[in-house]
Amino acid sequence: MPVSLIPSCGRRSFLKTATLAASASAAGIASSREEPWFALLADTHVDADRKKEARGAVMAENVMRVVAEILEEAKTHGDPQFAVINGDCAYLKGLREDYETLRPLLQPLLDSGIPIHLTMGNHDDRGPFYELFPEAETPKSEATMEKHLAIVESESANWFLVDTLQIVDNVTGEIGAKQRDWLARELDRRSGKPAIIVGHHYPQYMPEDSDARVTGITDTVEFMDLLRSKPWVKAYVYGHSHNYGFKKASGDIHLINQPPVAYLFDEKRPNGWLKATVSATEMNITLRALDKSHPENDETKNLTWT
């Protein structure tokens, strides 16, 4: 299943690394390879205008800063296995011009051979998105072809990228029955490693008699019941709230709320990106805040599981 932007040099680099690791193992030599890591981004909100500012942030400049930081991190720790932008890639309405501005901002990562995967948020639009990122389009043979889906298999975990976009520029998100069925099937096929689910919207439980607006996932109950039914699902990673934090759902599923790359709703909270490492028993998340003086900058959260 093809996923997003995978540069040819990235494929060569991956094959070379795998070959060297296998050779070292066969020779009984300890591998000096750095621990695999992943760059997790969300809510870039890039506008067609590179100089567009919202809530005190110039979104394109923030993306450039984060890209530069990832490349700097790679100098010391090796390239990330991949980077993810978890929804709201575009500013408000998912315009073609927004994606035209975003794509070259990401090019330095591709030039370095780093794959990039993008999910859909409520400010994205699949049509214009696919025009500028044709590599990312989900195959038409998929039963859920109206959703943008991806599975990324890594050495330590399987990553399932889901699509919570319901209506463009409407705050409510949705998984939907077809996507839940797809996710259940694909999870069952990959039960041998920890599973990490990545989607833009947050879970939100609403009282049955509530008429309040749903700002998270409208079918949260069904979605979380599905995740809890698969014991190898260890974490759900989401953005949308622009409020970095951690929770733990019943069933020991870690809920990881990413910081935005773009603007903040609460200026006391950090924006930036996350560096993640994953093993069979834990996930470590380090905040790389754009404000290096923020008290949470460079803090690492250790999330364990059995």
Protein backbone atom coordinates (compact mmCIF):
# COMPACT_ATOMS: atom_id res chain seq x y z
CA MET A 1 0.00 0.00 0.00
CA PRO A 2 1.74 3.20 -1.11
CA VAL A 3 2.05 5.95 1.44
CA SER A 4 2.86 9.60 0.94
CA LEU A 5 6.27 10.91 0.01
CA ILE A 6 8.99 8.28 -0.15
CA PRO A 7 12.08 9.53 -1.99
CA SER A 8 14.06 7.06 -4.06
CA CYS A 9 17.20 7.91 -2.12
CA GLY A 10 15.29 7.00 1.04
CA ARG A 11 14.59 3.55 -0.34
CA ARG A 12 18.28 3.09 -1.17
CA SER A 13 19.30 4.29 2.27
CA PHE A 14 16.88 1.89 3.95
CA LEU A 15 18.10 -1.08 1.92
CA LYS A 16 21.73 -0.18 2.60
CA THR A 17 21.09 0.08 6.35
CA ALA A 18 19.24 -3.23 6.40
CA THR A 19 22.06 -4.94 4.48
CA LEU A 20 24.76 -3.56 6.77
CA ALA A 21 22.81 -4.58 9.88
CA ALA A 22 22.36 -8.10 8.55
CA SER A 23 26.07 -8.35 7.69
CA ALA A 24 27.09 -7.16 11.14
CA SER A 25 24.79 -9.70 12.78
CA ALA A 26 26.11 -12.52 10.64
CA ALA A 27 29.67 -11.58 11.57
CA GLY A 28 28.83 -11.44 15.27
CA ILE A 29 29.63 -7.72 15.41
CA ALA A 30 27.54 -5.39 17.56
CA SER A 31 25.72 -2.84 15.43
CA SER A 32 26.59 0.82 16.10
CA ARG A 33 23.42 2.05 14.45
CA GLU A 34 21.60 4.77 16.38
CA GLU A 35 18.26 3.89 17.97
CA PRO A 36 15.52 4.30 15.35
CA TRP A 37 13.42 7.42 15.85
CA PHE A 38 10.45 9.17 14.31
CA ALA A 39 9.59 12.85 13.84
CA LEU A 40 5.96 13.61 14.74
CA LEU A 41 4.44 16.90 13.56
CA ALA A 42 0.87 18.19 13.53
CA ASP A 43 -1.17 21.24 12.63
CA THR A 44 1.20 23.06 10.28
CA HIS A 45 -1.68 25.20 8.89
CA VAL A 46 0.39 26.49 5.96
CA ASP A 47 -1.29 29.20 3.92
CA ALA A 48 -0.69 30.01 0.27
CA ASP A 49 1.08 33.15 1.48
CA ARG A 50 4.39 32.22 3.10
CA LYS A 51 4.20 35.36 5.20
CA LYS A 52 0.71 34.65 6.53
CA GLU A 53 0.53 35.14 10.29
CA ALA A 54 -2.09 33.84 12.73
CA ARG A 55 -2.13 34.26 16.51
CA GLY A 56 1.43 35.58 16.43
CA ALA A 57 2.87 32.69 14.37
CA VAL A 58 4.09 32.79 10.78
CA MET A 59 3.16 29.24 9.83
CA ALA A 60 5.55 28.69 6.92
CA GLU A 61 8.46 29.98 9.00
CA ASN A 62 7.58 27.54 11.78
CA VAL A 63 7.60 24.64 9.32
CA MET A 64 11.01 25.70 8.01
CA ARG A 65 12.35 25.88 11.57
CA VAL A 66 11.04 22.42 12.41
CA VAL A 67 12.44 20.93 9.19
CA ALA A 68 15.83 22.47 10.01
CA GLU A 69 15.68 21.03 13.54
CA ILE A 70 14.89 17.54 12.26
CA LEU A 71 17.84 17.69 9.87
CA GLU A 72 20.08 18.94 12.68
CA GLU A 73 18.91 16.09 14.93
CA ALA A 74 19.71 13.69 12.11
CA LYS A 75 23.35 14.82 12.06
CA THR A 76 23.82 13.41 15.55
CA HIS A 77 21.32 10.58 15.75
CA GLY A 78 20.91 9.50 12.13
CA ASP A 79 17.87 10.09 9.94
CA PRO A 80 14.43 9.44 11.39
CA GLN A 81 12.76 6.39 9.91
CA PHE A 82 10.03 8.77 8.77
CA ALA A 83 8.26 12.02 9.59
CA VAL A 84 4.49 12.41 9.98
CA ILE A 85 2.42 15.56 9.62
CA ASN A 86 -0.76 14.64 11.46
CA GLY A 87 -3.44 16.71 9.80
CA ASP A 88 -4.37 20.33 9.25
CA CYS A 89 -1.49 20.56 6.82
CA ALA A 90 -3.27 23.49 5.16
CA TYR A 91 -4.42 26.72 6.75
CA LEU A 92 -8.23 26.65 6.73
CA LYS A 93 -9.91 25.20 3.62
CA GLY A 94 -7.31 22.86 2.11
CA LEU A 95 -6.76 25.05 -0.94
CA ARG A 96 -4.48 23.91 -3.75
CA GLU A 97 -2.41 27.07 -3.23
CA ASP A 98 -1.81 26.10 0.41
CA TYR A 99 -0.35 22.73 -0.62
CA GLU A 100 1.69 24.43 -3.35
CA THR A 101 3.36 26.45 -0.60
CA LEU A 102 3.72 23.50 1.78
CA ARG A 103 5.36 21.03 -0.57
CA PRO A 104 8.65 22.90 -1.16
CA LEU A 105 8.93 23.58 2.58
CA LEU A 106 9.17 19.80 3.07
CA GLN A 107 11.60 19.23 0.21
CA PRO A 108 14.77 19.39 2.37
CA LEU A 109 13.57 16.29 4.24
CA LEU A 110 12.94 14.46 0.98
CA ASP A 111 16.30 15.57 -0.36
CA SER A 112 17.87 13.94 2.70
CA GLY A 113 16.02 10.69 2.01
CA ILE A 114 13.51 11.02 4.84
CA PRO A 115 10.00 9.69 4.03
CA ILE A 116 7.10 11.95 4.97
CA HIS A 117 3.56 10.77 5.67
CA LEU A 118 0.62 13.16 5.90
CA THR A 119 -2.83 12.63 7.38
CA MET A 120 -6.05 14.56 6.84
CA GLY A 121 -7.37 17.13 9.31
CA ASN A 122 -10.55 19.17 9.21
CA HIS A 123 -8.73 22.02 7.44
CA ASP A 124 -7.51 19.74 4.65
CA ASP A 125 -9.20 18.75 1.39
CA ARG A 126 -8.32 15.42 -0.24
CA GLY A 127 -8.90 16.64 -3.81
CA PRO A 128 -6.37 19.50 -3.89
CA PHE A 129 -4.09 17.53 -1.56
CA TYR A 130 -3.83 14.65 -4.05
CA GLU A 131 -3.15 17.10 -6.88
CA LEU A 132 0.00 18.30 -5.11
CA PHE A 133 0.87 15.01 -3.38
CA PRO A 134 -0.17 12.36 -5.94
CA GLU A 135 2.16 9.81 -4.31
CA ALA A 136 -0.08 9.85 -1.26
CA GLU A 137 -3.33 8.80 -2.88
CA THR A 138 -4.94 5.69 -1.45
CA PRO A 139 -5.46 2.99 -4.14
CA LYS A 140 -8.91 3.08 -5.70
CA SER A 141 -9.26 -0.64 -5.02
CA GLU A 142 -9.58 0.07 -1.30
CA ALA A 143 -13.11 -0.29 0.03
CA THR A 144 -12.44 2.90 1.98
CA MET A 145 -11.11 4.81 -1.01
CA GLU A 146 -12.83 8.01 0.15
CA LYS A 147 -10.41 8.07 3.09
CA HIS A 148 -6.65 8.72 3.05
CA LEU A 149 -5.13 5.66 4.77
CA ALA A 150 -1.65 4.33 5.31
CA ILE A 151 0.16 1.54 7.13
CA VAL A 152 3.83 2.06 7.89
CA GLU A 153 5.67 -0.97 9.19
CA SER A 154 8.81 -0.31 11.23
CA GLU A 155 11.21 -2.56 13.07
CA SER A 156 9.68 -1.86 16.47
CA ALA A 157 6.02 -1.13 15.74
CA ASN A 158 3.34 -0.88 13.09
CA TRP A 159 1.89 2.58 12.48
CA PHE A 160 -1.68 2.96 11.22
CA LEU A 161 -2.49 6.40 9.80
CA VAL A 162 -6.22 7.04 9.77
CA ASP A 163 -8.35 9.78 8.27
CA THR A 164 -10.66 11.71 10.61
CA LEU A 165 -11.69 14.40 8.09
CA GLN A 166 -15.48 14.58 7.93
CA ILE A 167 -16.25 17.93 6.25
CA VAL A 168 -13.65 20.45 5.10
CA ASP A 169 -13.35 23.43 7.47
CA ASN A 170 -15.81 21.91 9.95
CA VAL A 171 -14.36 21.13 13.38
CA THR A 172 -15.99 17.71 13.84
CA GLY A 173 -14.04 14.56 12.99
CA GLU A 174 -15.14 11.02 12.17
CA ILE A 175 -13.63 7.56 11.66
CA GLY A 176 -16.69 5.95 10.07
CA ALA A 177 -17.83 2.33 9.85
CA LYS A 178 -15.89 1.47 6.68
CA GLN A 179 -12.63 2.80 8.05
CA ARG A 180 -13.16 1.02 11.37
CA ASP A 181 -13.73 -2.26 9.49
CA TRP A 182 -10.55 -1.66 7.47
CA LEU A 183 -8.57 -0.85 10.61
CA ALA A 184 -9.83 -3.96 12.41
CA ARG A 185 -8.80 -6.20 9.51
CA GLU A 186 -5.37 -4.64 9.14
CA LEU A 187 -4.69 -4.71 12.88
CA ASP A 188 -5.55 -8.41 12.97
CA ARG A 189 -3.06 -9.04 10.18
CA ARG A 190 -0.30 -7.37 12.18
CA SER A 191 -0.72 -8.51 15.77
CA GLY A 192 2.93 -9.42 16.32
CA LYS A 193 4.15 -5.89 17.11
CA PRO A 194 2.88 -2.90 19.07
CA ALA A 195 0.39 -0.89 17.02
CA ILE A 196 0.36 2.90 17.09
CA ILE A 197 -2.66 4.66 15.60
CA VAL A 198 -2.21 8.19 14.22
CA GLY A 199 -5.17 10.44 13.42
CA HIS A 200 -5.87 14.14 13.58
CA HIS A 201 -8.90 14.44 15.88
CA TYR A 202 -9.03 13.60 19.58
CA PRO A 203 -11.42 11.13 21.22
CA GLN A 204 -14.42 12.88 22.75
CA TYR A 205 -17.09 11.12 24.77
CA MET A 206 -20.42 12.95 24.73
CA PRO A 207 -23.47 12.32 26.95
CA GLU A 208 -26.25 10.68 24.96
CA ASP A 209 -28.62 13.54 25.60
CA SER A 210 -26.08 16.26 24.81
CA ASP A 211 -26.77 18.66 21.97
CA ALA A 212 -23.33 20.30 22.25
CA ARG A 213 -21.14 20.49 19.17
CA VAL A 214 -18.71 17.60 18.79
CA THR A 215 -15.22 18.98 18.22
CA GLY A 216 -13.45 15.61 18.35
CA ILE A 217 -14.30 12.21 16.86
CA THR A 218 -18.06 11.83 16.57
CA ASP A 219 -17.86 8.01 16.74
CA THR A 220 -15.40 7.97 19.63
CA VAL A 221 -17.17 5.12 21.48
CA GLU A 222 -16.98 2.75 18.51
CA PHE A 223 -13.42 3.77 17.66
CA MET A 224 -12.04 3.38 21.18
CA ASP A 225 -13.92 0.11 21.68
CA LEU A 226 -12.16 -1.18 18.56
CA LEU A 227 -8.73 -0.11 19.80
CA ARG A 228 -9.32 -1.64 23.23
CA SER A 229 -10.36 -4.94 21.62
CA LYS A 230 -6.86 -5.30 20.13
CA PRO A 231 -4.38 -5.64 23.05
CA TRP A 232 -1.41 -4.87 20.82
CA VAL A 233 -2.74 -1.34 20.19
CA LYS A 234 -0.62 0.71 22.57
CA ALA A 235 -1.13 4.36 21.64
CA TYR A 236 -3.28 6.82 19.75
CA VAL A 237 -1.45 9.96 18.55
CA TYR A 238 -3.51 13.02 17.63
CA GLY A 239 -3.37 16.80 17.20
CA HIS A 240 -6.27 19.20 16.58
CA SER A 241 -6.45 20.78 20.06
CA HIS A 242 -3.11 22.65 19.75
CA ASN A 243 -2.52 21.61 23.36
CA TYR A 244 0.37 19.23 24.03
CA GLY A 245 -0.29 16.57 26.65
CA PHE A 246 -0.76 12.94 27.63
CA LYS A 247 -3.62 10.83 28.96
CA LYS A 248 -4.25 7.14 29.41
CA ALA A 249 -7.49 5.60 28.22
CA SER A 250 -9.09 2.59 29.85
CA GLY A 251 -7.46 -0.52 28.47
CA ASP A 252 -4.00 1.01 28.90
CA ILE A 253 -3.98 2.87 25.59
CA HIS A 254 -1.75 5.94 25.73
CA LEU A 255 -3.30 9.10 24.28
CA ILE A 256 -0.64 11.46 22.94
CA ASN A 257 -1.79 14.98 22.09
CA GLN A 258 0.80 16.54 19.79
CA PRO A 259 1.80 20.19 19.95
CA PRO A 260 1.04 22.28 16.87
CA VAL A 261 3.81 23.39 14.57
CA ALA A 262 1.74 26.50 13.85
CA TYR A 263 -0.05 28.77 16.28
CA LEU A 264 -1.26 28.21 19.83
CA PHE A 265 -4.69 28.76 21.35
CA ASP A 266 -3.03 29.17 24.75
CA GLU A 267 0.30 31.01 24.50
CA LYS A 268 1.51 29.32 27.69
CA ARG A 269 1.56 25.95 25.94
CA PRO A 270 4.41 24.84 23.64
CA ASN A 271 4.41 24.54 19.88
CA GLY A 272 6.99 22.48 18.01
CA TRP A 273 7.41 18.79 17.24
CA LEU A 274 8.03 15.43 18.92
CA LYS A 275 10.93 13.03 18.67
CA ALA A 276 9.73 9.47 19.34
CA THR A 277 11.46 6.16 19.87
CA VAL A 278 9.55 2.89 20.18
CA SER A 279 10.43 -0.58 21.44
CA ALA A 280 8.44 -3.72 22.22
CA THR A 281 7.73 -2.42 25.72
CA GLU A 282 7.75 1.37 25.62
CA MET A 283 7.58 4.62 23.70
CA ASN A 284 9.67 7.66 24.58
CA ILE A 285 8.46 11.09 23.49
CA THR A 286 10.73 14.15 23.62
CA LEU A 287 9.32 17.62 23.05
CA ARG A 288 11.29 19.89 20.74
CA ALA A 289 9.57 23.19 21.45
CA LEU A 290 10.13 26.11 19.11
CA ASP A 291 10.51 28.28 22.20
CA LYS A 292 13.71 26.82 23.67
CA SER A 293 13.02 28.60 26.96
CA HIS A 294 9.72 26.79 27.47
CA PRO A 295 9.87 24.71 30.68
CA GLU A 296 8.77 21.55 28.85
CA ASN A 297 11.33 21.85 26.06
CA ASP A 298 13.51 18.73 25.75
CA GLU A 299 11.49 16.87 28.40
CA THR A 300 11.06 13.16 27.67
CA LYS A 301 7.94 11.22 28.60
CA ASN A 302 8.36 7.48 29.06
CA LEU A 303 5.21 5.52 28.13
CA THR A 304 5.42 1.86 29.05
CA TRP A 305 3.29 -1.14 28.18
CA THR A 306 3.34 -4.92 28.49
